[in-house]
Amino acid sequence: MSSLAPAQTPYKPISGKRTLQRLRRQAGYRSAKDFAEALGIPGSTYARYERAGDGADCGIPLPAAWQIADKLGCSIDLVIGREDIDAPEPEGIQPRYEALSPEGRALVDSYLSYVELGERAARSQGRR
């Protein structure tokens, strides 16, 4: 019996979006060749990734998908087409906070404490 829990939402591939190409261009790489050079892989290999289908069977090896996601500053799900590039951002701060790692939440909490301290100091000095 596997200890992995099934995903809460079913996988729905996002096809026809040319997501990887859009992400590359948004990151400032005009050509697939330029981006492949930045990744240190052959241009033909990266071009194949852009032409691939979506999802786990897209043919992009996991280490390459992680490398691409890191270079583009996005999720691996977006790289392989499991996440919709055109999906709206969650509204409000709470969904964004909940999506953070424990380390990210600790940073946000620390920053909020700092801001609150400044607010209290400003109020006590009558500047607010």
Protein backbone atom coordinates (compact mmCIF):
# COMPACT_ATOMS: atom_id res chain seq x y z
CA MET A 1 0.00 0.00 0.00
CA SER A 2 1.39 3.38 -0.99
CA SER A 3 1.81 6.16 1.54
CA LEU A 4 1.21 8.77 -1.12
CA ALA A 5 -2.20 10.38 -0.95
CA PRO A 6 -4.04 10.90 -4.23
CA ALA A 7 -4.12 14.43 -5.59
CA GLN A 8 -7.07 16.46 -4.39
CA THR A 9 -7.88 17.79 -7.84
CA PRO A 10 -7.69 15.64 -10.95
CA TYR A 11 -4.95 16.35 -13.46
CA LYS A 12 -6.22 18.28 -16.43
CA PRO A 13 -3.59 18.96 -19.09
CA ILE A 14 -3.49 22.48 -20.43
CA SER A 15 -2.94 21.90 -24.11
CA GLY A 16 -2.57 24.35 -26.94
CA LYS A 17 -1.14 27.08 -24.73
CA ARG A 18 2.50 26.80 -25.81
CA THR A 19 3.23 27.48 -22.17
CA LEU A 20 6.96 26.78 -22.21
CA GLN A 21 7.52 29.09 -25.16
CA ARG A 22 5.50 31.87 -23.50
CA LEU A 23 7.39 31.47 -20.23
CA ARG A 24 10.73 31.63 -22.04
CA ARG A 25 9.77 34.78 -23.91
CA GLN A 26 8.37 36.44 -20.78
CA ALA A 27 11.72 35.75 -19.11
CA GLY A 28 13.46 37.70 -21.89
CA TYR A 29 14.86 34.87 -24.00
CA ARG A 30 13.97 35.65 -27.60
CA SER A 31 14.94 32.27 -29.01
CA ALA A 32 14.90 28.69 -27.86
CA LYS A 33 18.59 28.52 -28.78
CA ASP A 34 19.47 31.38 -26.42
CA PHE A 35 17.57 29.77 -23.58
CA ALA A 36 19.14 26.37 -24.27
CA GLU A 37 22.58 27.98 -24.04
CA ALA A 38 21.64 29.55 -20.70
CA LEU A 39 20.57 26.10 -19.50
CA GLY A 40 23.71 24.46 -20.89
CA ILE A 41 21.82 21.97 -23.05
CA PRO A 42 21.70 21.46 -26.83
CA GLY A 43 19.31 23.75 -28.68
CA SER A 44 17.66 20.80 -30.40
CA THR A 45 16.91 19.20 -27.03
CA TYR A 46 15.26 22.31 -25.65
CA ALA A 47 13.33 22.91 -28.89
CA ARG A 48 11.93 19.38 -28.52
CA TYR A 49 10.74 20.29 -25.00
CA GLU A 50 8.83 23.28 -26.38
CA ARG A 51 7.13 21.08 -28.98
CA ALA A 52 6.28 18.33 -26.48
CA GLY A 53 2.82 17.61 -25.18
CA ASP A 54 1.63 18.41 -21.70
CA GLY A 55 1.73 16.48 -18.46
CA ALA A 56 3.93 13.76 -17.06
CA ASP A 57 4.32 12.15 -20.49
CA CYS A 58 5.64 15.34 -22.10
CA GLY A 59 9.11 13.83 -22.42
CA ILE A 60 10.95 16.44 -20.38
CA PRO A 61 13.15 14.58 -17.88
CA LEU A 62 12.53 15.59 -14.29
CA PRO A 63 16.01 17.11 -13.72
CA ALA A 64 15.60 19.21 -16.88
CA ALA A 65 12.10 20.31 -15.87
CA TRP A 66 13.41 21.44 -12.47
CA GLN A 67 16.29 23.28 -14.14
CA ILE A 68 13.91 25.06 -16.52
CA ALA A 69 11.50 25.95 -13.70
CA ASP A 70 14.35 27.36 -11.61
CA LYS A 71 15.71 29.39 -14.52
CA LEU A 72 12.24 30.77 -15.35
CA GLY A 73 11.25 31.31 -11.72
CA CYS A 74 8.05 29.28 -11.99
CA SER A 75 6.64 25.97 -10.84
CA ILE A 76 7.53 22.68 -12.46
CA ASP A 77 3.79 22.13 -13.00
CA LEU A 78 3.73 25.21 -15.20
CA VAL A 79 6.76 23.98 -17.18
CA ILE A 80 5.17 20.63 -18.02
CA GLY A 81 1.70 22.06 -18.63
CA ARG A 82 -0.13 20.78 -15.54
CA GLU A 83 -0.83 24.34 -14.42
CA ASP A 84 -2.66 26.90 -16.54
CA ILE A 85 -0.45 29.86 -17.42
CA ASP A 86 -3.59 31.98 -17.84
CA ALA A 87 -5.13 31.02 -14.48
CA PRO A 88 -5.98 34.09 -12.41
CA GLU A 89 -3.88 34.78 -9.34
CA PRO A 90 -5.65 34.05 -6.06
CA GLU A 91 -7.30 37.12 -4.58
CA GLY A 92 -6.24 38.41 -1.23
CA ILE A 93 -3.24 37.60 0.88
CA GLN A 94 -4.52 34.52 2.72
CA PRO A 95 -4.44 32.08 -0.25
CA ARG A 96 -0.97 33.34 -1.12
CA TYR A 97 0.22 32.92 2.49
CA GLU A 98 -1.22 29.40 2.67
CA ALA A 99 0.64 28.44 -0.51
CA LEU A 100 4.00 29.30 1.05
CA SER A 101 6.40 26.80 2.57
CA PRO A 102 6.86 26.87 6.35
CA GLU A 103 10.08 28.83 5.81
CA GLY A 104 8.26 31.36 3.61
CA ARG A 105 5.52 31.76 6.19
CA ALA A 106 8.13 32.38 8.88
CA LEU A 107 9.65 35.15 6.74
CA VAL A 108 6.25 36.77 6.20
CA ASP A 109 5.45 36.50 9.91
CA SER A 110 8.78 38.10 10.77
CA TYR A 111 8.21 40.94 8.33
CA LEU A 112 4.68 41.54 9.65
CA SER A 113 6.05 41.72 13.20
CA TYR A 114 8.56 44.31 12.01
CA VAL A 115 5.84 46.39 10.32
CA GLU A 116 3.57 46.15 13.36
CA LEU A 117 6.41 47.32 15.59
CA GLY A 118 6.91 50.34 13.34
CA GLU A 119 3.17 51.06 13.39
CA ARG A 120 3.10 50.97 17.20
CA ALA A 121 6.12 53.27 17.39
CA ALA A 122 4.51 55.73 14.97
CA ARG A 123 1.25 55.73 16.95
CA SER A 124 3.05 56.27 20.24
CA GLN A 125 4.85 59.28 18.76
CA GLY A 126 1.59 60.68 17.41
CA ARG A 127 2.74 60.48 13.80
CA ARG A 128 -0.24 58.61 12.64
